Amino acid sequence: MPAPYDLNDDSVVVIVGSGAGGGTLGTQLALKGIDTVILEAGSRHETWDFINDEWDSFAQLAWKDKRRTSGDWRVSKDFPNLPAWIVKSVGGSTVHWAGASLRFQEHEFKTKTHYGELADANLLDWPIDLTEMEPWYAMAEDRMGVTRTNGIPGLPGNNNFKVMEAGAKKIGYKEVHTGRMAINSEPRDDRGSCLQIGFCFQGCKSGAKWSTLVAEIPKGEATGKLEVRPDCMVLKIEHNDAGKVTGVVYADKEGRMQRQKARMIAVAGNSIESPRLLLNSASSKFPDGLANSSGQVGRNYMRHTTGSVYGIFEKPVHMYRGTTMAGIIRDEAKHDPSRGFVGGYEFETLSLGLPFMAAFLDPGKWGRDFSSAMDGYANMAGMWIVGEDMPRADNRVTLSDEKDEHGMPIPDVHFDDHENDTAMRNHAYKQGAAIYDAVGAVRTIETPPYPSTHNLGTNRMSEKPEDGVVNRFGQAHDISNLFVSDGSQFTTGAAENPTLTIVALALRQADHIAGRMAKGEL
């Protein structure tokens, strides 16, 4: 472990958050010889600490800090304090994720161009495109050991996949396989291959699943140039009279206030915490919050158009055995407005344990209809919908008047479904049911969206400063030494799980930052 950096050392890069963006950026900067400190609000749990039980794992890893929720989304009724399900631990949500690692499609970087003007949607083209991102995607796939890339074989299909695959092919779908997963299908990077233990959203006890905790941060720390400080909740970013950021104020494990000086700051706290921090860093020079001259900080919150379909069969499926999300159907991911909506969606296999299934199948429901579904758990197959939801200016994160234990305002997450989201979800429900019906389902069940695990937007990239928060490298339009490194910089959400793109952007950003520092520009 490197010696701790001094609190007054203003030559260090400070990164807030250690997940896909922050953990990758911090490691990559350290590998380039740049002194870096990552401040992580959560504790450090190693692979041997992880609990292979959903409820206990949730208690150990989840970000349970209070939040407020508003809007017409079902989550605000069912889970008002839990709009998003992210991790508060070193490694962030890469510790508790499925592993699905998919590139965006070309049209998804240019949605304004391809979808046109859509009422009540705040569409904008990304200032980058797929051609520019391809080498960074390739680097990220190699780094993460993504299956079906770089000659790495796919994972085996479990029963849940086999049911989905058979149904999908019967109704004419063609692109069906066990996915591009950042889970070792063979030993790689000093980590073993997947043991098919099941329930693998939780921290992977075998270390086969890529996370910044096991696969990145230790390499950064080995350079002596990266210090990770767990249990450090950043509350405010400070700046000087010239408008450059100079450091952060954070509460340490004992709740004491500390100030770490910085040469440059990168915010990577997820799409709820990152805008919360920027808004809470308001000052007389930046009265509306940092990097917010456009008024876009906190706006355009996206969470993917989601929902699930479960099929109950006459014979056991045991969907929970094997990799949770090793199965994907990509045929509906295209942009085809003839379906009644713009953008596309994917189906991915999903299984929840019995207690979580009881909580999420149809929250608040009880009686024979519900209990008979639970009785059929062993005979159940399940899939999750991942679709592109529309950015809307009023879907946003704001600061409420209620404070947390550190005196920081808690965030309010407001979300209304766009009619395009609803049309897409209804189409997916119908197709998902058809897949299971085609192979003899006794019953199919549509479940409402869960608390979001894909939180996107709120500090979006834009060509013009008035349209967003950061430029094409994640650098704040307003403040040259402030960067955003997580999914909050996404201009639009695409139909793909976001982690691969977050990692690719972080690798590209590290290259950009190191180059600018070498020229004395940062």
Protein backbone atom coordinates (compact mmCIF):
# COMPACT_ATOMS: atom_id res chain seq x y z
CA MET A 1 0.00 0.00 0.00
CA PRO A 2 1.36 3.49 -0.75
CA ALA A 3 2.04 5.86 2.10
CA PRO A 4 -0.91 8.19 2.64
CA TYR A 5 -0.74 11.50 0.85
CA ASP A 6 -0.69 14.62 2.99
CA LEU A 7 -3.98 16.52 3.27
CA ASN A 8 -2.20 19.69 2.16
CA ASP A 9 -0.55 18.09 -0.88
CA ASP A 10 -2.10 20.06 -3.71
CA SER A 11 -0.28 18.08 -6.41
CA VAL A 12 -2.60 15.07 -6.18
CA VAL A 13 -5.58 14.23 -8.35
CA VAL A 14 -8.62 13.58 -6.15
CA ILE A 15 -11.30 11.20 -7.40
CA VAL A 16 -14.67 10.92 -5.66
CA GLY A 17 -15.89 7.33 -5.92
CA SER A 18 -14.16 4.04 -6.76
CA GLY A 19 -16.59 2.30 -9.15
CA ALA A 20 -16.37 1.65 -12.89
CA GLY A 21 -15.43 5.29 -13.63
CA GLY A 22 -13.48 6.37 -10.56
CA GLY A 23 -11.70 3.07 -9.88
CA THR A 24 -10.62 2.70 -13.50
CA LEU A 25 -9.54 6.34 -13.84
CA GLY A 26 -7.59 6.28 -10.56
CA THR A 27 -5.77 3.08 -11.46
CA GLN A 28 -4.95 4.25 -14.97
CA LEU A 29 -3.60 7.61 -13.73
CA ALA A 30 -1.44 5.79 -11.16
CA LEU A 31 -0.12 3.47 -13.88
CA LYS A 32 0.86 6.63 -15.79
CA GLY A 33 2.80 7.86 -12.73
CA ILE A 34 0.27 10.45 -11.51
CA ASP A 35 -0.27 10.83 -7.74
CA THR A 36 -3.92 10.00 -7.09
CA VAL A 37 -6.26 9.79 -4.09
CA ILE A 38 -9.64 8.06 -4.34
CA LEU A 39 -12.16 8.99 -1.66
CA GLU A 40 -14.84 6.30 -1.27
CA ALA A 41 -17.91 6.80 0.92
CA GLY A 42 -18.21 3.08 1.66
CA SER A 43 -16.05 0.56 3.47
CA ARG A 44 -13.57 -1.84 1.92
CA HIS A 45 -14.81 -5.41 1.65
CA GLU A 46 -12.58 -8.00 0.01
CA THR A 47 -13.72 -11.14 -1.83
CA TRP A 48 -13.52 -13.28 1.31
CA ASP A 49 -15.91 -10.90 3.11
CA PHE A 50 -18.69 -11.19 0.55
CA ILE A 51 -21.88 -12.92 1.60
CA ASN A 52 -23.54 -15.31 -0.84
CA ASP A 53 -27.02 -14.39 0.36
CA GLU A 54 -29.09 -11.62 -1.18
CA TRP A 55 -30.55 -10.00 1.93
CA ASP A 56 -27.34 -10.08 3.93
CA SER A 57 -25.34 -8.91 0.94
CA PHE A 58 -27.73 -6.01 0.46
CA ALA A 59 -27.19 -4.98 4.09
CA GLN A 60 -23.42 -5.19 3.63
CA LEU A 61 -22.98 -3.43 0.30
CA ALA A 62 -25.99 -1.32 -0.69
CA TRP A 63 -26.14 2.47 -0.53
CA LYS A 64 -28.89 2.80 2.05
CA ASP A 65 -28.58 6.54 2.75
CA LYS A 66 -31.99 8.16 2.68
CA ARG A 67 -33.28 9.65 -0.54
CA ARG A 68 -36.56 11.16 -1.58
CA THR A 69 -38.47 10.15 -4.67
CA SER A 70 -41.18 11.85 -6.69
CA GLY A 71 -42.83 11.45 -10.08
CA ASP A 72 -45.20 8.99 -11.70
CA TRP A 73 -42.79 6.04 -11.81
CA ARG A 74 -43.92 3.01 -9.85
CA VAL A 75 -40.69 3.07 -7.79
CA SER A 76 -41.79 6.25 -5.98
CA LYS A 77 -44.79 4.36 -4.62
CA ASP A 78 -43.11 1.03 -3.85
CA PHE A 79 -39.58 2.13 -2.81
CA PRO A 80 -39.70 5.87 -2.00
CA ASN A 81 -36.37 5.81 -0.11
CA LEU A 82 -34.64 3.52 -2.60
CA PRO A 83 -34.97 4.91 -6.13
CA ALA A 84 -31.61 3.42 -7.05
CA TRP A 85 -29.83 0.29 -6.01
CA ILE A 86 -26.12 1.09 -6.03
CA VAL A 87 -23.19 0.04 -3.89
CA LYS A 88 -21.47 1.93 -1.06
CA SER A 89 -18.18 0.05 -0.93
CA VAL A 90 -14.73 0.13 -2.51
CA GLY A 91 -15.31 -0.92 -6.11
CA GLY A 92 -18.71 0.76 -6.20
CA SER A 93 -21.39 -0.98 -8.21
CA THR A 94 -18.81 -3.08 -10.08
CA VAL A 95 -18.85 -5.21 -6.93
CA HIS A 96 -22.60 -5.84 -7.26
CA TRP A 97 -23.34 -6.05 -10.96
CA ALA A 98 -24.26 -8.71 -13.48
CA GLY A 99 -21.19 -8.33 -15.71
CA ALA A 100 -23.00 -7.57 -18.99
CA SER A 101 -20.55 -5.58 -21.15
CA LEU A 102 -21.97 -4.29 -24.42
CA ARG A 103 -20.90 -1.58 -26.84
CA PHE A 104 -23.33 1.15 -27.78
CA GLN A 105 -24.61 1.07 -31.35
CA GLU A 106 -23.68 3.81 -33.80
CA HIS A 107 -27.11 5.46 -33.85
CA GLU A 108 -27.25 5.63 -30.05
CA PHE A 109 -24.48 8.25 -29.95
CA LYS A 110 -26.53 10.43 -32.33
CA THR A 111 -30.12 10.07 -31.16
CA LYS A 112 -31.19 13.61 -32.03
CA THR A 113 -30.07 12.98 -35.59
CA HIS A 114 -31.73 9.56 -35.85
CA TYR A 115 -34.87 10.02 -33.73
CA GLY A 116 -35.60 13.64 -34.65
CA GLU A 117 -37.60 16.01 -32.49
CA LEU A 118 -39.53 14.01 -29.90
CA ALA A 119 -42.10 15.89 -27.80
CA ASP A 120 -41.17 16.17 -24.09
CA ALA A 121 -37.77 14.56 -24.69
CA ASN A 122 -34.51 16.47 -24.28
CA LEU A 123 -32.57 14.55 -26.95
CA LEU A 124 -29.04 15.62 -27.85
CA ASP A 125 -26.28 14.03 -29.93
CA TRP A 126 -23.17 12.97 -28.02
CA PRO A 127 -20.10 15.01 -28.96
CA ILE A 128 -18.34 11.67 -29.71
CA ASP A 129 -19.26 8.73 -31.94
CA LEU A 130 -18.71 4.99 -32.20
CA THR A 131 -15.71 5.30 -34.52
CA GLU A 132 -13.87 7.40 -31.93
CA MET A 133 -14.87 5.04 -29.11
CA GLU A 134 -14.00 1.76 -30.85
CA PRO A 135 -10.32 1.60 -29.78
CA TRP A 136 -11.31 2.47 -26.21
CA TYR A 137 -14.04 -0.16 -26.23
CA ALA A 138 -11.44 -2.67 -27.45
CA MET A 139 -9.08 -1.66 -24.64
CA ALA A 140 -11.88 -1.92 -22.05
CA GLU A 141 -12.97 -5.36 -23.33
CA ASP A 142 -9.41 -6.65 -23.10
CA ARG A 143 -8.96 -5.09 -19.67
CA MET A 144 -12.19 -6.57 -18.33
CA GLY A 145 -11.86 -9.95 -20.06
CA VAL A 146 -15.22 -9.65 -21.80
CA THR A 147 -16.42 -12.98 -23.21
CA ARG A 148 -16.92 -13.27 -27.00
CA THR A 149 -14.21 -10.63 -27.53
CA ASN A 150 -10.46 -11.14 -27.97
CA GLY A 151 -10.94 -14.88 -28.52
CA ILE A 152 -12.43 -15.38 -25.03
CA PRO A 153 -15.15 -18.06 -25.14
CA GLY A 154 -18.68 -17.37 -23.96
CA LEU A 155 -19.97 -18.63 -20.64
CA PRO A 156 -22.07 -21.82 -20.58
CA GLY A 157 -25.83 -21.47 -20.69
CA ASN A 158 -27.83 -22.42 -17.59
CA ASN A 159 -31.41 -23.69 -17.60
CA ASN A 160 -32.78 -20.14 -17.49
CA PHE A 161 -30.90 -19.38 -20.70
CA LYS A 162 -31.94 -22.61 -22.38
CA VAL A 163 -35.63 -21.86 -21.80
CA MET A 164 -35.23 -18.29 -23.08
CA GLU A 165 -33.18 -19.39 -26.09
CA ALA A 166 -35.67 -22.08 -27.13
CA GLY A 167 -38.60 -19.66 -26.90
CA ALA A 168 -36.73 -16.86 -28.65
CA LYS A 169 -35.82 -19.05 -31.60
CA LYS A 170 -39.38 -20.35 -31.88
CA ILE A 171 -40.72 -16.82 -32.34
CA GLY A 172 -38.01 -15.95 -34.86
CA TYR A 173 -35.29 -14.15 -32.90
CA LYS A 174 -31.78 -14.73 -34.22
CA GLU A 175 -29.24 -12.97 -31.97
CA VAL A 176 -29.46 -15.11 -28.83
CA HIS A 177 -26.40 -16.21 -26.85
CA THR A 178 -24.87 -16.16 -23.36
CA GLY A 179 -23.79 -12.58 -23.70
CA ARG A 180 -20.65 -10.50 -23.59
CA MET A 181 -19.81 -10.77 -19.92
CA ALA A 182 -16.94 -9.42 -17.81
CA ILE A 183 -16.82 -12.77 -16.01
CA ASN A 184 -13.93 -15.14 -16.71
CA SER A 185 -15.03 -18.14 -18.75
CA GLU A 186 -11.45 -19.39 -18.39
CA PRO A 187 -8.65 -18.34 -15.99
CA ARG A 188 -7.37 -14.87 -16.84
CA ASP A 189 -5.62 -11.91 -15.21
CA ASP A 190 -4.59 -14.01 -12.16
CA ARG A 191 -8.26 -14.78 -11.50
CA GLY A 192 -10.00 -18.12 -11.90
CA SER A 193 -12.96 -18.95 -14.13
CA CYS A 194 -16.62 -18.71 -13.14
CA LEU A 195 -17.74 -21.52 -10.82
CA GLN A 196 -21.44 -21.04 -11.70
CA ILE A 197 -22.29 -20.57 -8.03
CA GLY A 198 -25.39 -18.51 -8.81
CA PHE A 199 -26.76 -15.38 -7.11
CA CYS A 200 -23.81 -13.52 -8.59
CA PHE A 201 -25.06 -9.96 -8.48
CA GLN A 202 -23.50 -10.00 -5.02
CA GLY A 203 -19.78 -9.67 -4.58
CA CYS A 204 -18.24 -12.56 -6.53
CA LYS A 205 -16.56 -14.82 -3.98
CA SER A 206 -14.44 -16.59 -6.59
CA GLY A 207 -13.06 -13.37 -8.10
CA ALA A 208 -14.03 -14.46 -11.63
CA LYS A 209 -16.17 -11.36 -12.17
CA TRP A 210 -14.33 -8.16 -13.07
CA SER A 211 -14.60 -5.30 -10.61
CA THR A 212 -12.39 -2.33 -9.91
CA LEU A 213 -11.96 -3.80 -6.40
CA VAL A 214 -10.23 -6.99 -7.56
CA ALA A 215 -8.96 -6.20 -11.05
CA GLU A 216 -7.98 -2.51 -11.10
CA ILE A 217 -7.36 -0.84 -7.74
CA PRO A 218 -4.72 -3.38 -6.52
CA LYS A 219 -2.70 -2.70 -9.70
CA GLY A 220 -2.95 1.03 -9.07
CA GLU A 221 -1.93 0.64 -5.43
CA ALA A 222 1.06 -1.52 -6.44
CA THR A 223 2.56 1.49 -8.25
CA GLY A 224 2.75 3.45 -5.00
CA LYS A 225 0.87 6.26 -6.77
CA LEU A 226 -2.71 5.46 -5.70
CA GLU A 227 -4.22 5.81 -2.25
CA VAL A 228 -7.80 4.65 -1.67
CA ARG A 229 -9.46 6.07 1.45
CA PRO A 230 -12.61 4.14 2.39
CA ASP A 231 -15.35 5.49 4.68
CA CYS A 232 -14.75 9.04 3.43
CA MET A 233 -17.93 10.85 2.36
CA VAL A 234 -17.17 13.92 0.25
CA LEU A 235 -19.54 16.77 1.09
CA LYS A 236 -18.24 19.75 -0.83
CA ILE A 237 -15.77 20.77 -3.53
CA GLU A 238 -13.90 24.02 -2.91
CA HIS A 239 -12.49 26.50 -5.42
CA ASN A 240 -10.34 29.62 -5.54
CA ASP A 241 -11.11 33.15 -6.74
CA ALA A 242 -10.04 32.24 -10.27
CA GLY A 243 -12.75 29.57 -10.36
CA LYS A 244 -10.40 26.54 -10.29
CA VAL A 245 -11.23 23.72 -7.87
CA THR A 246 -8.72 23.41 -5.06
CA GLY A 247 -9.84 20.51 -2.87
CA VAL A 248 -12.66 18.67 -1.16
CA VAL A 249 -14.18 18.63 2.31
CA TYR A 250 -15.12 15.16 3.51
CA ALA A 251 -16.32 13.35 6.62
CA ASP A 252 -13.98 10.52 7.64
CA LYS A 253 -14.96 7.25 9.32
CA GLU A 254 -15.28 8.97 12.71
CA GLY A 255 -17.39 11.75 11.23
CA ARG A 256 -14.60 14.32 11.54
CA MET A 257 -14.34 16.93 8.79
CA GLN A 258 -11.18 16.78 6.71
CA ARG A 259 -9.94 18.86 3.79
CA GLN A 260 -7.88 17.26 1.01
CA LYS A 261 -6.22 19.70 -1.36
CA ALA A 262 -6.07 18.79 -5.05
CA ARG A 263 -4.54 19.71 -8.39
CA MET A 264 -7.59 18.35 -10.18
CA ILE A 265 -10.85 16.68 -9.11
CA ALA A 266 -12.87 13.97 -10.86
CA VAL A 267 -16.39 13.24 -9.66
CA ALA A 268 -17.49 9.61 -10.04
CA GLY A 269 -20.18 9.06 -7.45
CA ASN A 270 -23.01 7.79 -9.71
CA SER A 271 -25.79 9.81 -11.35
CA ILE A 272 -27.45 10.71 -8.06
CA GLU A 273 -24.49 11.48 -5.81
CA SER A 274 -22.41 13.31 -8.43
CA PRO A 275 -24.95 16.07 -9.16
CA ARG A 276 -25.78 16.18 -5.46
CA LEU A 277 -22.14 17.01 -4.72
CA LEU A 278 -21.88 19.62 -7.47
CA LEU A 279 -25.12 21.31 -6.37
CA ASN A 280 -24.06 21.25 -2.71
CA SER A 281 -20.78 22.97 -3.67
CA ALA A 282 -22.57 26.21 -4.57
CA SER A 283 -20.78 29.44 -3.63
CA SER A 284 -21.07 33.16 -4.29
CA LYS A 285 -19.05 32.63 -7.51
CA PHE A 286 -21.15 29.59 -8.51
CA PRO A 287 -24.55 30.28 -6.88
CA ASP A 288 -26.34 27.45 -8.73
CA GLY A 289 -23.69 24.83 -7.98
CA LEU A 290 -20.41 23.93 -9.64
CA ALA A 291 -20.29 23.43 -13.41
CA ASN A 292 -23.92 24.54 -13.64
CA SER A 293 -23.94 27.70 -15.76
CA SER A 294 -26.20 25.78 -18.17
CA GLY A 295 -28.66 24.80 -15.43
CA GLN A 296 -28.24 21.19 -16.59
CA VAL A 297 -26.63 19.72 -13.45
CA GLY A 298 -29.05 17.14 -12.09
CA ARG A 299 -31.26 17.16 -15.19
CA ASN A 300 -31.88 14.44 -17.79
CA TYR A 301 -31.82 11.59 -15.29
CA MET A 302 -32.23 8.22 -17.03
CA ARG A 303 -32.54 4.74 -15.57
CA HIS A 304 -33.31 2.55 -18.60
CA THR A 305 -36.77 1.36 -19.54
CA THR A 306 -36.96 -1.77 -17.44
CA GLY A 307 -39.35 -4.39 -16.14
CA SER A 308 -39.26 -8.18 -16.05
CA VAL A 309 -41.16 -11.11 -17.46
CA TYR A 310 -41.28 -14.45 -15.64
CA GLY A 311 -42.66 -17.70 -17.00
CA ILE A 312 -43.88 -20.58 -14.84
CA PHE A 313 -43.59 -24.05 -16.32
CA GLU A 314 -44.89 -27.54 -15.52
CA LYS A 315 -41.41 -28.84 -14.70
CA PRO A 316 -38.53 -27.36 -12.65
CA VAL A 317 -36.16 -24.83 -14.25
CA HIS A 318 -34.05 -23.84 -11.20
CA MET A 319 -33.23 -20.51 -12.87
CA TYR A 320 -31.00 -19.43 -9.99
CA ARG A 321 -28.29 -22.01 -10.82
CA GLY A 322 -25.37 -20.56 -12.77
CA THR A 323 -24.53 -17.05 -13.94
CA THR A 324 -27.43 -14.69 -13.22
CA MET A 325 -27.38 -12.75 -16.48
CA ALA A 326 -25.61 -15.06 -18.93
CA GLY A 327 -28.22 -14.86 -21.64
CA ILE A 328 -29.23 -12.10 -24.03
CA ILE A 329 -31.60 -11.47 -26.95
CA ARG A 330 -30.48 -8.49 -29.06
CA ASP A 331 -32.94 -8.56 -31.97
CA GLU A 332 -35.08 -5.72 -30.54
CA ALA A 333 -32.08 -3.45 -29.81
CA LYS A 334 -32.36 -1.81 -33.22
CA HIS A 335 -34.00 1.55 -33.95
CA ASP A 336 -37.24 0.70 -35.75
CA PRO A 337 -40.02 3.30 -35.22
CA SER A 338 -42.57 1.02 -36.92
CA ARG A 339 -42.91 -0.71 -33.52
CA GLY A 340 -44.41 2.49 -32.11
CA PHE A 341 -41.35 3.89 -30.34
CA VAL A 342 -37.83 5.13 -31.05
CA GLY A 343 -34.73 3.31 -29.83
CA GLY A 344 -34.61 -0.32 -28.83
CA TYR A 345 -34.34 -2.78 -25.98
CA GLU A 346 -32.75 -6.09 -25.04
CA PHE A 347 -33.82 -9.10 -22.98
CA GLU A 348 -31.33 -10.51 -20.48
CA THR A 349 -31.81 -13.54 -18.26
CA LEU A 350 -32.51 -12.69 -14.65
CA SER A 351 -33.13 -14.67 -11.50
CA LEU A 352 -33.77 -13.42 -8.00
CA GLY A 353 -33.64 -15.46 -4.80
CA LEU A 354 -36.93 -16.26 -3.08
CA PRO A 355 -36.90 -13.37 -0.55
CA PHE A 356 -36.07 -10.80 -3.24
CA MET A 357 -38.61 -12.34 -5.59
CA ALA A 358 -41.27 -11.92 -2.90
CA ALA A 359 -40.29 -8.24 -2.50
CA PHE A 360 -40.04 -7.35 -6.19
CA LEU A 361 -42.46 -9.63 -8.08
CA ASP A 362 -45.40 -7.30 -7.49
CA PRO A 363 -44.71 -5.04 -4.50
CA GLY A 364 -47.60 -4.79 -2.05
CA LYS A 365 -49.47 -7.70 -3.58
CA TRP A 366 -50.79 -10.63 -1.56
CA GLY A 367 -53.40 -13.38 -1.82
CA ARG A 368 -53.72 -16.53 -3.90
CA ASP A 369 -52.54 -15.02 -7.17
CA PHE A 370 -49.29 -13.93 -5.56
CA SER A 371 -48.73 -17.01 -3.39
CA SER A 372 -49.32 -19.41 -6.29
CA ALA A 373 -46.63 -17.59 -8.27
CA MET A 374 -44.22 -17.96 -5.35
CA ASP A 375 -45.17 -21.64 -5.03
CA GLY A 376 -43.99 -22.03 -8.63
CA TYR A 377 -40.53 -20.56 -7.94
CA ALA A 378 -38.58 -23.74 -8.78
CA ASN A 379 -40.44 -23.94 -12.11
CA MET A 380 -39.84 -20.30 -13.00
CA ALA A 381 -37.70 -18.74 -15.75
CA GLY A 382 -37.02 -15.00 -15.79
CA MET A 383 -35.78 -12.19 -18.00
CA TRP A 384 -35.12 -8.49 -17.60
CA ILE A 385 -35.87 -5.72 -20.09
CA VAL A 386 -33.10 -3.17 -20.76
CA GLY A 387 -34.26 -0.39 -23.07
CA GLU A 388 -33.33 3.16 -23.99
CA ASP A 389 -35.39 5.64 -22.01
CA MET A 390 -35.70 9.24 -23.11
CA PRO A 391 -33.82 12.07 -21.38
CA ARG A 392 -36.21 14.68 -20.00
CA ALA A 393 -35.20 18.00 -18.46
CA ASP A 394 -37.64 17.56 -15.58
CA ASN A 395 -36.41 14.07 -14.71
CA ARG A 396 -33.81 15.32 -12.32
CA VAL A 397 -31.91 15.16 -9.07
CA THR A 398 -32.33 18.15 -6.76
CA LEU A 399 -31.39 18.90 -3.15
CA SER A 400 -34.20 18.53 -0.63
CA ASP A 401 -34.56 20.53 2.57
CA GLU A 402 -33.84 17.42 4.65
CA LYS A 403 -30.22 16.88 5.78
CA ASP A 404 -28.20 13.71 6.36
CA GLU A 405 -26.05 13.01 9.44
CA HIS A 406 -23.26 15.19 8.01
CA GLY A 407 -25.59 18.14 7.38
CA MET A 408 -25.61 17.55 3.61
CA PRO A 409 -29.02 17.89 1.90
CA ILE A 410 -30.39 14.52 0.81
CA PRO A 411 -31.20 14.16 -2.89
CA ASP A 412 -34.68 14.07 -4.37
CA VAL A 413 -34.96 11.93 -7.49
CA HIS A 414 -37.87 12.92 -9.71
CA PHE A 415 -38.84 10.70 -12.63
CA ASP A 416 -41.82 10.52 -14.97
CA ASP A 417 -41.95 7.89 -17.69
CA HIS A 418 -41.93 9.32 -21.21
CA GLU A 419 -44.68 7.90 -23.44
CA ASN A 420 -41.89 6.35 -25.56
CA ASP A 421 -40.65 4.47 -22.47
CA THR A 422 -44.14 3.14 -21.78
CA ALA A 423 -44.70 2.04 -25.38
CA MET A 424 -41.33 0.26 -25.40
CA ARG A 425 -42.00 -1.49 -22.08
CA ASN A 426 -45.43 -2.69 -23.22
CA HIS A 427 -43.94 -4.05 -26.46
CA ALA A 428 -41.26 -5.86 -24.45
CA TYR A 429 -43.80 -7.34 -22.03
CA LYS A 430 -45.74 -8.73 -24.98
CA GLN A 431 -42.65 -10.20 -26.66
CA GLY A 432 -41.28 -11.61 -23.41
CA ALA A 433 -44.55 -13.41 -22.70
CA ALA A 434 -44.59 -14.73 -26.29
CA ILE A 435 -41.10 -16.22 -25.78
CA TYR A 436 -42.23 -18.21 -22.74
CA ASP A 437 -45.61 -19.11 -24.21
CA ALA A 438 -43.82 -20.57 -27.24
CA VAL A 439 -42.21 -23.21 -25.02
CA GLY A 440 -45.25 -24.07 -22.94
CA ALA A 441 -45.42 -21.64 -20.05
CA VAL A 442 -48.35 -22.35 -17.75
CA ARG A 443 -48.39 -18.67 -16.79
CA THR A 444 -46.42 -15.50 -17.51
CA ILE A 445 -46.02 -12.58 -15.10
CA GLU A 446 -45.00 -9.01 -15.87
CA THR A 447 -43.23 -7.24 -13.02
CA PRO A 448 -42.91 -3.46 -12.67
CA PRO A 449 -39.45 -1.82 -12.78
CA TYR A 450 -37.25 -2.36 -9.73
CA PRO A 451 -35.15 0.36 -8.06
CA SER A 452 -32.68 1.37 -10.73
CA THR A 453 -29.22 -0.13 -11.08
CA HIS A 454 -28.45 1.80 -14.28
CA ASN A 455 -28.39 5.46 -13.32
CA LEU A 456 -27.43 7.71 -16.20
CA GLY A 457 -27.36 11.35 -17.19
CA THR A 458 -27.55 14.36 -14.79
CA ASN A 459 -24.12 15.79 -15.83
CA ARG A 460 -24.33 15.20 -19.55
CA MET A 461 -21.74 15.62 -22.26
CA SER A 462 -22.44 18.29 -24.85
CA GLU A 463 -20.68 20.04 -27.70
CA LYS A 464 -22.01 23.44 -26.57
CA PRO A 465 -21.66 24.57 -22.93
CA GLU A 466 -25.28 25.74 -22.80
CA ASP A 467 -26.58 22.21 -23.56
CA GLY A 468 -24.80 20.21 -20.89
CA VAL A 469 -22.26 20.03 -18.08
CA VAL A 470 -19.07 18.47 -19.49
CA ASN A 471 -17.27 18.34 -22.82
CA ARG A 472 -16.27 15.31 -24.90
CA PHE A 473 -13.59 14.32 -22.36
CA GLY A 474 -15.81 14.67 -19.30
CA GLN A 475 -14.18 18.02 -18.43
CA ALA A 476 -16.58 20.59 -16.96
CA HIS A 477 -17.37 23.34 -19.46
CA ASP A 478 -17.13 25.90 -16.66
CA ILE A 479 -14.10 24.69 -14.66
CA SER A 480 -10.99 23.39 -16.45
CA ASN A 481 -9.65 21.20 -13.62
CA LEU A 482 -12.97 19.53 -12.76
CA PHE A 483 -14.00 16.30 -14.49
CA VAL A 484 -16.94 13.90 -14.34
CA SER A 485 -16.04 10.23 -14.79
CA ASP A 486 -19.19 8.16 -14.22
CA GLY A 487 -22.47 7.40 -16.02
CA SER A 488 -23.80 10.85 -15.18
CA GLN A 489 -21.87 12.19 -18.21
CA PHE A 490 -24.03 10.08 -20.58
CA THR A 491 -25.90 12.27 -23.05
CA THR A 492 -28.40 9.50 -23.78
CA GLY A 493 -28.82 6.05 -22.27
CA ALA A 494 -28.76 3.57 -25.22
CA ALA A 495 -30.19 0.05 -24.92
CA GLU A 496 -27.00 -1.45 -23.49
CA ASN A 497 -25.83 -1.95 -19.92
CA PRO A 498 -23.59 1.08 -19.25
CA THR A 499 -20.50 -0.29 -17.47
CA LEU A 500 -18.34 -1.04 -20.52
CA THR A 501 -18.93 2.49 -21.85
CA ILE A 502 -18.13 4.03 -18.45
CA VAL A 503 -14.83 2.07 -18.33
CA ALA A 504 -13.97 2.94 -21.95
CA LEU A 505 -14.63 6.64 -21.27
CA ALA A 506 -12.49 6.49 -18.09
CA LEU A 507 -9.55 4.95 -19.98
CA ARG A 508 -9.88 7.64 -22.66
CA GLN A 509 -10.19 10.35 -20.02
CA ALA A 510 -7.04 9.15 -18.21
CA ASP A 511 -5.12 9.36 -21.48
CA HIS A 512 -6.43 12.88 -22.08
CA ILE A 513 -5.66 14.07 -18.53
CA ALA A 514 -2.12 12.63 -18.57
CA GLY A 515 -1.46 14.28 -21.94
CA ARG A 516 -2.75 17.65 -20.72
CA MET A 517 -0.67 17.39 -17.52
CA ALA A 518 2.46 16.57 -19.50
CA LYS A 519 1.95 19.79 -21.47
CA GLY A 520 1.38 21.78 -18.27
CA GLU A 521 -2.23 22.50 -19.19
CA LEU A 522 -3.75 20.92 -16.06
